[in-house]
Amino acid sequence: MNLPQTIKDLVNAQNNFDGTAFSDCFSETAVVFDEGKTHTGKAAIKAWIEKAAKEYKAVMEPVELEGNDQKATLKAKVSGTFPGSPLILNYHFELNGKSIQSLKID
């Protein structure tokens, strides 16, 4: 699957449990929506993903990508130490050049 570089970097960072590399995929003012919570800015995104990595050990396997260079939805199989693992989740991206401006996970 041919993923945009920013999304490819995000997947690799998550699968390597690298919070710094993960947050570096986002703009300074980015927003992440996940599990009913909003995380705004790179520092908050880094704290969120590092906590989630410790708690759930989630890794993602891209399944399908739809969209374009500005808006894309990645369907991924996510496995980890959470109830119901593995799950298919949708990652809705709004991209701003080479960084992510918004990510909603459902």
PDB file of N, CA and C in Angstrom:
ATOM      1  N   MET A   1       0.848  -1.174   0.000  1.00  0.00           N
ATOM      2  CA  MET A   1       0.000   0.000   0.000  1.00  0.00           C
ATOM      3  C   MET A   1       0.896   1.241   0.000  1.00  0.00           C
ATOM      4  N   ASN A   2       0.543   2.190  -0.831  1.00  0.00           N
ATOM      5  CA  ASN A   2       1.338   3.406  -0.978  1.00  0.00           C
ATOM      6  C   ASN A   2       0.789   4.498  -0.046  1.00  0.00           C
ATOM      7  N   LEU A   3       1.365   4.609   1.147  1.00  0.00           N
ATOM      8  CA  LEU A   3       0.930   5.607   2.117  1.00  0.00           C
ATOM      9  C   LEU A   3       1.706   6.902   1.929  1.00  0.00           C
ATOM     10  N   PRO A   4       1.063   8.055   2.154  1.00  0.00           N
ATOM     11  CA  PRO A   4       1.814   9.308   2.191  1.00  0.00           C
ATOM     12  C   PRO A   4       2.908   9.203   3.263  1.00  0.00           C
ATOM     13  N   GLN A   5       4.021   9.852   3.049  1.00  0.00           N
ATOM     14  CA  GLN A   5       5.163   9.723   3.953  1.00  0.00           C
ATOM     15  C   GLN A   5       4.809  10.055   5.400  1.00  0.00           C
ATOM     16  N   THR A   6       4.016  11.084   5.614  1.00  0.00           N
ATOM     17  CA  THR A   6       3.658  11.472   6.983  1.00  0.00           C
ATOM     18  C   THR A   6       2.875  10.363   7.682  1.00  0.00           C
ATOM     19  N   ILE A   7       1.956   9.738   6.981  1.00  0.00           N
ATOM     20  CA  ILE A   7       1.175   8.647   7.571  1.00  0.00           C
ATOM     21  C   ILE A   7       2.064   7.430   7.781  1.00  0.00           C
ATOM     22  N   LYS A   8       2.943   7.154   6.838  1.00  0.00           N
ATOM     23  CA  LYS A   8       3.892   6.049   6.990  1.00  0.00           C
ATOM     24  C   LYS A   8       4.764   6.280   8.230  1.00  0.00           C
ATOM     25  N   ASP A   9       5.227   7.521   8.423  1.00  0.00           N
ATOM     26  CA  ASP A   9       6.046   7.858   9.594  1.00  0.00           C
ATOM     27  C   ASP A   9       5.259   7.664  10.891  1.00  0.00           C
ATOM     28  N   LEU A  10       3.981   8.038  10.872  1.00  0.00           N
ATOM     29  CA  LEU A  10       3.133   7.882  12.054  1.00  0.00           C
ATOM     30  C   LEU A  10       2.958   6.404  12.404  1.00  0.00           C
ATOM     31  N   VAL A  11       2.680   5.577  11.423  1.00  0.00           N
ATOM     32  CA  VAL A  11       2.519   4.137  11.650  1.00  0.00           C
ATOM     33  C   VAL A  11       3.805   3.552  12.231  1.00  0.00           C
ATOM     34  N   ASN A  12       4.942   3.897  11.639  1.00  0.00           N
ATOM     35  CA  ASN A  12       6.228   3.388  12.132  1.00  0.00           C
ATOM     36  C   ASN A  12       6.493   3.844  13.559  1.00  0.00           C
ATOM     37  N   ALA A  13       6.203   5.107  13.859  1.00  0.00           N
ATOM     38  CA  ALA A  13       6.418   5.628  15.208  1.00  0.00           C
ATOM     39  C   ALA A  13       5.538   4.898  16.215  1.00  0.00           C
ATOM     40  N   GLN A  14       4.271   4.676  15.871  1.00  0.00           N
ATOM     41  CA  GLN A  14       3.383   3.963  16.795  1.00  0.00           C
ATOM     42  C   GLN A  14       3.872   2.540  17.007  1.00  0.00           C
ATOM     43  N   ASN A  15       4.241   1.870  15.941  1.00  0.00           N
ATOM     44  CA  ASN A  15       4.661   0.479  16.051  1.00  0.00           C
ATOM     45  C   ASN A  15       5.996   0.321  16.775  1.00  0.00           C
ATOM     46  N   ASN A  16       6.783   1.399  16.843  1.00  0.00           N
ATOM     47  CA  ASN A  16       8.046   1.393  17.579  1.00  0.00           C
ATOM     48  C   ASN A  16       7.913   2.036  18.956  1.00  0.00           C
ATOM     49  N   PHE A  17       6.687   2.409  19.340  1.00  0.00           N
ATOM     50  CA  PHE A  17       6.404   3.044  20.637  1.00  0.00           C
ATOM     51  C   PHE A  17       7.298   4.263  20.863  1.00  0.00           C
ATOM     52  N   ASP A  18       7.424   5.087  19.814  1.00  0.00           N
ATOM     53  CA  ASP A  18       8.281   6.275  19.843  1.00  0.00           C
ATOM     54  C   ASP A  18       7.397   7.526  19.879  1.00  0.00           C
ATOM     55  N   GLY A  19       7.124   8.027  21.075  1.00  0.00           N
ATOM     56  CA  GLY A  19       6.245   9.176  21.251  1.00  0.00           C
ATOM     57  C   GLY A  19       6.764  10.441  20.607  1.00  0.00           C
ATOM     58  N   THR A  20       8.079  10.627  20.615  1.00  0.00           N
ATOM     59  CA  THR A  20       8.659  11.823  19.996  1.00  0.00           C
ATOM     60  C   THR A  20       8.460  11.794  18.492  1.00  0.00           C
ATOM     61  N   ALA A  21       8.798  10.671  17.862  1.00  0.00           N
ATOM     62  CA  ALA A  21       8.628  10.554  16.408  1.00  0.00           C
ATOM     63  C   ALA A  21       7.154  10.655  16.037  1.00  0.00           C
ATOM     64  N   PHE A  22       6.268  10.091  16.868  1.00  0.00           N
ATOM     65  CA  PHE A  22       4.829  10.159  16.616  1.00  0.00           C
ATOM     66  C   PHE A  22       4.376  11.617  16.629  1.00  0.00           C
ATOM     67  N   SER A  23       4.704  12.351  17.691  1.00  0.00           N
ATOM     68  CA  SER A  23       4.256  13.747  17.797  1.00  0.00           C
ATOM     69  C   SER A  23       4.901  14.630  16.739  1.00  0.00           C
ATOM     70  N   ASP A  24       6.074  14.259  16.251  1.00  0.00           N
ATOM     71  CA  ASP A  24       6.739  15.037  15.190  1.00  0.00           C
ATOM     72  C   ASP A  24       5.977  14.971  13.862  1.00  0.00           C
ATOM     73  N   CYS A  25       5.039  14.059  13.730  1.00  0.00           N
ATOM     74  CA  CYS A  25       4.220  13.968  12.518  1.00  0.00           C
ATOM     75  C   CYS A  25       3.140  15.052  12.489  1.00  0.00           C
ATOM     76  N   PHE A  26       2.929  15.748  13.611  1.00  0.00           N
ATOM     77  CA  PHE A  26       1.849  16.715  13.754  1.00  0.00           C
ATOM     78  C   PHE A  26       2.360  18.146  13.719  1.00  0.00           C
ATOM     79  N   SER A  27       1.473  19.065  13.306  1.00  0.00           N
ATOM     80  CA  SER A  27       1.782  20.491  13.380  1.00  0.00           C
ATOM     81  C   SER A  27       1.730  20.921  14.848  1.00  0.00           C
ATOM     82  N   GLU A  28       2.246  22.104  15.135  1.00  0.00           N
ATOM     83  CA  GLU A  28       2.255  22.614  16.509  1.00  0.00           C
ATOM     84  C   GLU A  28       0.841  22.775  17.069  1.00  0.00           C
ATOM     85  N   THR A  29      -0.122  23.062  16.197  1.00  0.00           N
ATOM     86  CA  THR A  29      -1.493  23.325  16.647  1.00  0.00           C
ATOM     87  C   THR A  29      -2.441  22.162  16.350  1.00  0.00           C
ATOM     88  N   ALA A  30      -1.902  20.999  16.095  1.00  0.00           N
ATOM     89  CA  ALA A  30      -2.709  19.844  15.724  1.00  0.00           C
ATOM     90  C   ALA A  30      -3.653  19.426  16.848  1.00  0.00           C
ATOM     91  N   VAL A  31      -4.707  18.711  16.434  1.00  0.00           N
ATOM     92  CA  VAL A  31      -5.706  18.205  17.364  1.00  0.00           C
ATOM     93  C   VAL A  31      -5.934  16.724  17.070  1.00  0.00           C
ATOM     94  N   VAL A  32      -5.976  15.914  18.151  1.00  0.00           N
ATOM     95  CA  VAL A  32      -6.302  14.497  18.036  1.00  0.00           C
ATOM     96  C   VAL A  32      -7.566  14.237  18.849  1.00  0.00           C
ATOM     97  N   PHE A  33      -8.507  13.517  18.238  1.00  0.00           N
ATOM     98  CA  PHE A  33      -9.750  13.108  18.895  1.00  0.00           C
ATOM     99  C   PHE A  33      -9.728  11.587  19.008  1.00  0.00           C
ATOM    100  N   ASP A  34      -9.760  11.069  20.243  1.00  0.00           N
ATOM    101  CA  ASP A  34      -9.723   9.623  20.446  1.00  0.00           C
ATOM    102  C   ASP A  34     -10.421   9.285  21.758  1.00  0.00           C
ATOM    103  N   GLU A  35     -11.251   8.263  21.735  1.00  0.00           N
ATOM    104  CA  GLU A  35     -11.966   7.776  22.912  1.00  0.00           C
ATOM    105  C   GLU A  35     -12.678   8.892  23.671  1.00  0.00           C
ATOM    106  N   GLY A  36     -13.297   9.812  22.929  1.00  0.00           N
ATOM    107  CA  GLY A  36     -14.069  10.890  23.530  1.00  0.00           C
ATOM    108  C   GLY A  36     -13.249  12.021  24.120  1.00  0.00           C
ATOM    109  N   LYS A  37     -11.950  12.007  23.907  1.00  0.00           N
ATOM    110  CA  LYS A  37     -11.077  13.058  24.439  1.00  0.00           C
ATOM    111  C   LYS A  37     -10.373  13.788  23.306  1.00  0.00           C
ATOM    112  N   THR A  38     -10.048  15.050  23.584  1.00  0.00           N
ATOM    113  CA  THR A  38      -9.346  15.895  22.614  1.00  0.00           C
ATOM    114  C   THR A  38      -7.961  16.219  23.163  1.00  0.00           C
ATOM    115  N   HIS A  39      -6.956  16.079  22.316  1.00  0.00           N
ATOM    116  CA  HIS A  39      -5.566  16.372  22.672  1.00  0.00           C
ATOM    117  C   HIS A  39      -5.073  17.425  21.682  1.00  0.00           C
ATOM    118  N   THR A  40      -4.700  18.599  22.207  1.00  0.00           N
ATOM    119  CA  THR A  40      -4.342  19.723  21.342  1.00  0.00           C
ATOM    120  C   THR A  40      -2.879  20.098  21.536  1.00  0.00           C
ATOM    121  N   GLY A  41      -2.149  20.190  20.420  1.00  0.00           N
ATOM    122  CA  GLY A  41      -0.745  20.575  20.440  1.00  0.00           C
ATOM    123  C   GLY A  41       0.177  19.370  20.551  1.00  0.00           C
ATOM    124  N   LYS A  42       1.412  19.543  20.073  1.00  0.00           N
ATOM    125  CA  LYS A  42       2.363  18.436  20.020  1.00  0.00           C
ATOM    126  C   LYS A  42       2.668  17.842  21.393  1.00  0.00           C
ATOM    127  N   ALA A  43       2.797  18.688  22.421  1.00  0.00           N
ATOM    128  CA  ALA A  43       3.130  18.173  23.758  1.00  0.00           C
ATOM    129  C   ALA A  43       2.009  17.287  24.291  1.00  0.00           C
ATOM    130  N   ALA A  44       0.761  17.720  24.123  1.00  0.00           N
ATOM    131  CA  ALA A  44      -0.377  16.924  24.590  1.00  0.00           C
ATOM    132  C   ALA A  44      -0.503  15.632  23.790  1.00  0.00           C
ATOM    133  N   ILE A  45      -0.238  15.701  22.497  1.00  0.00           N
ATOM    134  CA  ILE A  45      -0.307  14.509  21.645  1.00  0.00           C
ATOM    135  C   ILE A  45       0.775  13.512  22.059  1.00  0.00           C
ATOM    136  N   LYS A  46       1.965  14.013  22.337  1.00  0.00           N
ATOM    137  CA  LYS A  46       3.060  13.132  22.773  1.00  0.00           C
ATOM    138  C   LYS A  46       2.698  12.464  24.099  1.00  0.00           C
ATOM    139  N   ALA A  47       2.181  13.220  25.052  1.00  0.00           N
ATOM    140  CA  ALA A  47       1.811  12.655  26.356  1.00  0.00           C
ATOM    141  C   ALA A  47       0.721  11.589  26.189  1.00  0.00           C
ATOM    142  N   TRP A  48      -0.272  11.872  25.337  1.00  0.00           N
ATOM    143  CA  TRP A  48      -1.361  10.926  25.092  1.00  0.00           C
ATOM    144  C   TRP A  48      -0.844   9.623  24.487  1.00  0.00           C
ATOM    145  N   ILE A  49      -0.010   9.712  23.442  1.00  0.00           N
ATOM    146  CA  ILE A  49       0.431   8.490  22.766  1.00  0.00           C
ATOM    147  C   ILE A  49       1.386   7.694  23.640  1.00  0.00           C
ATOM    148  N   GLU A  50       2.209   8.363  24.432  1.00  0.00           N
ATOM    149  CA  GLU A  50       3.116   7.634  25.322  1.00  0.00           C
ATOM    150  C   GLU A  50       2.339   6.895  26.408  1.00  0.00           C
ATOM    151  N   LYS A  51       1.298   7.515  26.955  1.00  0.00           N
ATOM    152  CA  LYS A  51       0.456   6.856  27.957  1.00  0.00           C
ATOM    153  C   LYS A  51      -0.261   5.666  27.323  1.00  0.00           C
ATOM    154  N   ALA A  52      -0.815   5.864  26.129  1.00  0.00           N
ATOM    155  CA  ALA A  52      -1.526   4.785  25.430  1.00  0.00           C
ATOM    156  C   ALA A  52      -0.574   3.633  25.092  1.00  0.00           C
ATOM    157  N   ALA A  53       0.648   3.950  24.695  1.00  0.00           N
ATOM    158  CA  ALA A  53       1.617   2.904  24.342  1.00  0.00           C
ATOM    159  C   ALA A  53       1.938   2.038  25.557  1.00  0.00           C
ATOM    160  N   LYS A  54       2.125   2.674  26.711  1.00  0.00           N
ATOM    161  CA  LYS A  54       2.417   1.913  27.936  1.00  0.00           C
ATOM    162  C   LYS A  54       1.225   1.059  28.349  1.00  0.00           C
ATOM    163  N   GLU A  55       0.045   1.626  28.220  1.00  0.00           N
ATOM    164  CA  GLU A  55      -1.155   0.948  28.687  1.00  0.00           C
ATOM    165  C   GLU A  55      -1.627  -0.164  27.751  1.00  0.00           C
ATOM    166  N   TYR A  56      -1.582   0.085  26.444  1.00  0.00           N
ATOM    167  CA  TYR A  56      -2.200  -0.834  25.482  1.00  0.00           C
ATOM    168  C   TYR A  56      -1.233  -1.572  24.563  1.00  0.00           C
ATOM    169  N   LYS A  57       0.012  -1.114  24.464  1.00  0.00           N
ATOM    170  CA  LYS A  57       0.995  -1.754  23.565  1.00  0.00           C
ATOM    171  C   LYS A  57       0.437  -1.961  22.156  1.00  0.00           C
ATOM    172  N   ALA A  58      -0.293  -0.951  21.675  1.00  0.00           N
ATOM    173  CA  ALA A  58      -0.987  -1.080  20.390  1.00  0.00           C
ATOM    174  C   ALA A  58      -0.045  -0.893  19.209  1.00  0.00           C
ATOM    175  N   VAL A  59      -0.163  -1.803  18.266  1.00  0.00           N
ATOM    176  CA  VAL A  59       0.527  -1.681  16.981  1.00  0.00           C
ATOM    177  C   VAL A  59      -0.538  -1.693  15.897  1.00  0.00           C
ATOM    178  N   MET A  60      -0.226  -1.032  14.787  1.00  0.00           N
ATOM    179  CA  MET A  60      -1.213  -0.938  13.716  1.00  0.00           C
ATOM    180  C   MET A  60      -0.672  -1.494  12.411  1.00  0.00           C
ATOM    181  N   GLU A  61      -1.581  -2.125  11.680  1.00  0.00           N
ATOM    182  CA  GLU A  61      -1.277  -2.683  10.367  1.00  0.00           C
ATOM    183  C   GLU A  61      -2.237  -2.042   9.370  1.00  0.00           C
ATOM    184  N   PRO A  62      -1.734  -1.159   8.494  1.00  0.00           N
ATOM    185  CA  PRO A  62      -2.610  -0.514   7.515  1.00  0.00           C
ATOM    186  C   PRO A  62      -3.316  -1.555   6.640  1.00  0.00           C
ATOM    187  N   VAL A  63      -4.615  -1.314   6.425  1.00  0.00           N
ATOM    188  CA  VAL A  63      -5.427  -2.225   5.621  1.00  0.00           C
ATOM    189  C   VAL A  63      -5.878  -1.548   4.326  1.00  0.00           C
ATOM    190  N   GLU A  64      -6.297  -0.277   4.437  1.00  0.00           N
ATOM    191  CA  GLU A  64      -6.847   0.432   3.271  1.00  0.00           C
ATOM    192  C   GLU A  64      -6.689   1.937   3.488  1.00  0.00           C
ATOM    193  N   LEU A  65      -6.428   2.654   2.414  1.00  0.00           N
ATOM    194  CA  LEU A  65      -6.323   4.115   2.471  1.00  0.00           C
ATOM    195  C   LEU A  65      -7.206   4.716   1.397  1.00  0.00           C
ATOM    196  N   GLU A  66      -8.010   5.709   1.803  1.00  0.00           N
ATOM    197  CA  GLU A  66      -8.842   6.461   0.865  1.00  0.00           C
ATOM    198  C   GLU A  66      -8.594   7.937   1.090  1.00  0.00           C
ATOM    199  N   GLY A  67      -8.703   8.726   0.036  1.00  0.00           N
ATOM    200  CA  GLY A  67      -8.588  10.169   0.181  1.00  0.00           C
ATOM    201  C   GLY A  67      -7.532  10.759  -0.718  1.00  0.00           C
ATOM    202  N   ASN A  68      -7.029  11.925  -0.285  1.00  0.00           N
ATOM    203  CA  ASN A  68      -6.051  12.656  -1.084  1.00  0.00           C
ATOM    204  C   ASN A  68      -4.984  13.257  -0.172  1.00  0.00           C
ATOM    205  N   ASP A  69      -4.222  14.216  -0.692  1.00  0.00           N
ATOM    206  CA  ASP A  69      -3.111  14.804   0.069  1.00  0.00           C
ATOM    207  C   ASP A  69      -3.574  15.706   1.210  1.00  0.00           C
ATOM    208  N   GLN A  70      -4.863  16.063   1.239  1.00  0.00           N
ATOM    209  CA  GLN A  70      -5.352  16.954   2.286  1.00  0.00           C
ATOM    210  C   GLN A  70      -6.241  16.249   3.300  1.00  0.00           C
ATOM    211  N   LYS A  71      -7.023  15.290   2.837  1.00  0.00           N
ATOM    212  CA  LYS A  71      -7.891  14.517   3.728  1.00  0.00           C
ATOM    213  C   LYS A  71      -7.779  13.057   3.336  1.00  0.00           C
ATOM    214  N   ALA A  72      -7.539  12.213   4.337  1.00  0.00           N
ATOM    215  CA  ALA A  72      -7.398  10.785   4.065  1.00  0.00           C
ATOM    216  C   ALA A  72      -7.940   9.990   5.240  1.00  0.00           C
ATOM    217  N   THR A  73      -8.441   8.799   4.938  1.00  0.00           N
ATOM    218  CA  THR A  73      -8.877   7.874   5.980  1.00  0.00           C
ATOM    219  C   THR A  73      -8.096   6.582   5.817  1.00  0.00           C
ATOM    220  N   LEU A  74      -7.416   6.217   6.878  1.00  0.00           N
ATOM    221  CA  LEU A  74      -6.669   4.971   6.919  1.00  0.00           C
ATOM    222  C   LEU A  74      -7.438   3.979   7.773  1.00  0.00           C
ATOM    223  N   LYS A  75      -7.740   2.842   7.204  1.00  0.00           N
ATOM    224  CA  LYS A  75      -8.334   1.739   7.957  1.00  0.00           C
ATOM    225  C   LYS A  75      -7.156   0.862   8.367  1.00  0.00           C
ATOM    226  N   ALA A  76      -7.076   0.545   9.667  1.00  0.00           N
ATOM    227  CA  ALA A  76      -5.948  -0.241  10.155  1.00  0.00           C
ATOM    228  C   ALA A  76      -6.410  -1.280  11.171  1.00  0.00           C
ATOM    229  N   LYS A  77      -5.745  -2.425  11.139  1.00  0.00           N
ATOM    230  CA  LYS A  77      -5.962  -3.451  12.157  1.00  0.00           C
ATOM    231  C   LYS A  77      -5.028  -3.102  13.313  1.00  0.00           C
ATOM    232  N   VAL A  78      -5.619  -2.891  14.493  1.00  0.00           N
ATOM    233  CA  VAL A  78      -4.848  -2.486  15.663  1.00  0.00           C
ATOM    234  C   VAL A  78      -4.902  -3.617  16.684  1.00  0.00           C
ATOM    235  N   SER A  79      -3.717  -4.056  17.106  1.00  0.00           N
ATOM    236  CA  SER A  79      -3.593  -5.140  18.073  1.00  0.00           C
ATOM    237  C   SER A  79      -2.846  -4.636  19.295  1.00  0.00           C
ATOM    238  N   GLY A  80      -3.221  -5.142  20.458  1.00  0.00           N
ATOM    239  CA  GLY A  80      -2.534  -4.740  21.681  1.00  0.00           C
ATOM    240  C   GLY A  80      -3.140  -5.444  22.877  1.00  0.00           C
ATOM    241  N   THR A  81      -2.906  -4.857  24.053  1.00  0.00           N
ATOM    242  CA  THR A  81      -3.362  -5.454  25.305  1.00  0.00           C
ATOM    243  C   THR A  81      -4.654  -4.799  25.780  1.00  0.00           C
ATOM    244  N   PHE A  82      -5.596  -4.615  24.877  1.00  0.00           N
ATOM    245  CA  PHE A  82      -6.870  -4.002  25.209  1.00  0.00           C
ATOM    246  C   PHE A  82      -7.998  -4.979  24.865  1.00  0.00           C
ATOM    247  N   PRO A  83      -9.149  -4.845  25.541  1.00  0.00           N
ATOM    248  CA  PRO A  83     -10.278  -5.751  25.272  1.00  0.00           C
ATOM    249  C   PRO A  83     -10.699  -5.696  23.800  1.00  0.00           C
ATOM    250  N   GLY A  84     -10.945  -6.858  23.225  1.00  0.00           N
ATOM    251  CA  GLY A  84     -11.406  -6.935  21.844  1.00  0.00           C
ATOM    252  C   GLY A  84     -10.298  -6.947  20.807  1.00  0.00           C
ATOM    253  N   SER A  85      -9.050  -6.923  21.245  1.00  0.00           N
ATOM    254  CA  SER A  85      -7.923  -6.901  20.306  1.00  0.00           C
ATOM    255  C   SER A  85      -7.923  -8.184  19.479  1.00  0.00           C
ATOM    256  N   PRO A  86      -7.667  -8.071  18.181  1.00  0.00           N
ATOM    257  CA  PRO A  86      -7.452  -6.846  17.394  1.00  0.00           C
ATOM    258  C   PRO A  86      -8.778  -6.216  16.957  1.00  0.00           C
ATOM    259  N   LEU A  87      -8.701  -4.924  16.673  1.00  0.00           N
ATOM    260  CA  LEU A  87      -9.836  -4.158  16.170  1.00  0.00           C
ATOM    261  C   LEU A  87      -9.469  -3.503  14.852  1.00  0.00           C
ATOM    262  N   ILE A  88     -10.458  -3.248  14.026  1.00  0.00           N
ATOM    263  CA  ILE A  88     -10.264  -2.425  12.838  1.00  0.00           C
ATOM    264  C   ILE A  88     -10.694  -1.011  13.218  1.00  0.00           C
ATOM    265  N   LEU A  89      -9.777  -0.063  13.121  1.00  0.00           N
ATOM    266  CA  LEU A  89     -10.066   1.332  13.443  1.00  0.00           C
ATOM    267  C   LEU A  89      -9.872   2.194  12.208  1.00  0.00           C
ATOM    268  N   ASN A  90     -10.588   3.305  12.181  1.00  0.00           N
ATOM    269  CA  ASN A  90     -10.445   4.292  11.114  1.00  0.00           C
ATOM    270  C   ASN A  90      -9.714   5.508  11.657  1.00  0.00           C
ATOM    271  N   TYR A  91      -8.690   5.927  10.941  1.00  0.00           N
ATOM    272  CA  TYR A  91      -7.896   7.105  11.278  1.00  0.00           C
ATOM    273  C   TYR A  91      -8.196   8.167  10.221  1.00  0.00           C
ATOM    274  N   HIS A  92      -8.916   9.205  10.624  1.00  0.00           N
ATOM    275  CA  HIS A  92      -9.314  10.270   9.709  1.00  0.00           C
ATOM    276  C   HIS A  92      -8.310  11.417   9.843  1.00  0.00           C
ATOM    277  N   PHE A  93      -7.527  11.627   8.795  1.00  0.00           N
ATOM    278  CA  PHE A  93      -6.468  12.629   8.804  1.00  0.00           C
ATOM    279  C   PHE A  93      -6.862  13.876   8.028  1.00  0.00           C
ATOM    280  N   GLU A  94      -6.494  15.038   8.553  1.00  0.00           N
ATOM    281  CA  GLU A  94      -6.443  16.275   7.796  1.00  0.00           C
ATOM    282  C   GLU A  94      -4.979  16.664   7.772  1.00  0.00           C
ATOM    283  N   LEU A  95      -4.440  16.747   6.569  1.00  0.00           N
ATOM    284  CA  LEU A  95      -3.017  17.006   6.400  1.00  0.00           C
ATOM    285  C   LEU A  95      -2.785  18.447   5.968  1.00  0.00           C
ATOM    286  N   ASN A  96      -1.692  18.999   6.447  1.00  0.00           N
ATOM    287  CA  ASN A  96      -1.291  20.369   6.120  1.00  0.00           C
ATOM    288  C   ASN A  96       0.148  20.309   5.650  1.00  0.00           C
ATOM    289  N   GLY A  97       0.332  20.116   4.345  1.00  0.00           N
ATOM    290  CA  GLY A  97       1.685  19.933   3.839  1.00  0.00           C
ATOM    291  C   GLY A  97       2.224  18.600   4.308  1.00  0.00           C
ATOM    292  N   LYS A  98       3.351  18.628   5.031  1.00  0.00           N
ATOM    293  CA  LYS A  98       3.980  17.400   5.500  1.00  0.00           C
ATOM    294  C   LYS A  98       3.650  17.076   6.950  1.00  0.00           C
ATOM    295  N   SER A  99       2.648  17.737   7.507  1.00  0.00           N
ATOM    296  CA  SER A  99       2.283  17.449   8.884  1.00  0.00           C
ATOM    297  C   SER A  99       0.775  17.217   8.996  1.00  0.00           C
ATOM    298  N   ILE A 100       0.408  16.573  10.090  1.00  0.00           N
ATOM    299  CA  ILE A 100      -0.993  16.282  10.355  1.00  0.00           C
ATOM    300  C   ILE A 100      -1.562  17.442  11.161  1.00  0.00           C
ATOM    301  N   GLN A 101      -2.698  17.956  10.716  1.00  0.00           N
ATOM    302  CA  GLN A 101      -3.375  19.047  11.425  1.00  0.00           C
ATOM    303  C   GLN A 101      -4.456  18.485  12.348  1.00  0.00           C
ATOM    304  N   SER A 102      -5.074  17.389  11.920  1.00  0.00           N
ATOM    305  CA  SER A 102      -6.159  16.801  12.701  1.00  0.00           C
ATOM    306  C   SER A 102      -6.183  15.299  12.478  1.00  0.00           C
ATOM    307  N   LEU A 103      -6.479  14.571  13.574  1.00  0.00           N
ATOM    308  CA  LEU A 103      -6.627  13.125  13.502  1.00  0.00           C
ATOM    309  C   LEU A 103      -7.797  12.739  14.392  1.00  0.00           C
ATOM    310  N   LYS A 104      -8.754  12.029  13.804  1.00  0.00           N
ATOM    311  CA  LYS A 104      -9.883  11.486  14.561  1.00  0.00           C
ATOM    312  C   LYS A 104      -9.843   9.974  14.395  1.00  0.00           C
ATOM    313  N   ILE A 105      -9.881   9.273  15.533  1.00  0.00           N
ATOM    314  CA  ILE A 105      -9.803   7.811  15.513  1.00  0.00           C
ATOM    315  C   ILE A 105     -11.152   7.252  15.961  1.00  0.00           C
ATOM    316  N   ASP A 106     -11.717   6.380  15.123  1.00  0.00           N
ATOM    317  CA  ASP A 106     -12.961   5.714  15.526  1.00  0.00           C
ATOM    318  C   ASP A 106     -13.001   4.294  14.990  1.00  0.00           C
TER     319      ASP A 106
END
